[in-house]
Amino acid sequence: MKEKIVNWTKEYFSKVGINKCVVGLSGGIDSSLCATILVHALGKENVIGVLLPKGSQHDINCAYQIRDFLGINAYEVNIKDIVDEINKNVSNAIGDNPDNNEAFHINTPPRVRMTILYGFAALNQALVCNTCNLSEDYVGYSTKYGDAAGDFSLLANLTKTEVKALAREFGIPSNLVDKTPEDGLSGKSDEEKLGFTYDVLDEYIRTGICYDLKTKENIERMHKANLHKITLMPRFEI
């Protein structure tokens, strides 16, 4: 798998005629693995990391750890003031605090982050790497036009379980591989928010087996409701 994904990345960049890539570094295993693959495929001088905390981020040291592990250039842009300004302007328009709405609160920061990543890409004539994995995509655990965006995806066909296994192949530090996945916005882990574990979800994706009927129904409900995030928008056809 390691050699195949590196070769695929090399071929893709050669085909599009670009040799630089921007990747958001959250400190999680998905972005850490993507950055590692890109370094192996393009060289560390062609990979630009961007750290995008919203105010204080308790695990930002993990993002700097993968930067140092790979030896890449990385920049930190704190998005708190930008998000606050959006909230203030929308609040002035509607006469209420939009941040009280969970969908607004959770989805605005990822969309701001993607705007900044594409800004860095424009400045460096680079592509933006999508860092979502198959498990997240399957149940819609991503933000449309936020972390679900990008110019290409390295992990879209890999479950979280497979992401961890591949990360170990690349020798990524174990504390990053085994770190509890979280979105950094809700104060909960991914699995707490989803209501089931990645192990259960990944087994269902790969085998169709889920022994708990309620969990199986929840997975399928989330999958159907969120397919719009990973498919082209419907278009009126003449």
Foldseek 3Di string as FASTA:
>chain_A
DLVVLLVVVLVVCVVVVHQAEEEEQALALLSLLVQLSSCSNRNQARYEYEYEAAPDFPRVVSSVVSCVVSVHHYYYDYCNVVLVVVQVVVCVVPVHRPCVDPCCQQQVSQLVVLVVRVVVCVVVVHWYEQRDACLCLQLVVDHQNGSLDTDDYSHNDPQLVRSLVVCVVSVPDPCNSPPFAPSRRPPDTPCVVLVHDSVQSVCCVVPVDHPDPVSSVSSVVSRVVNNPRVDDDDDDDD
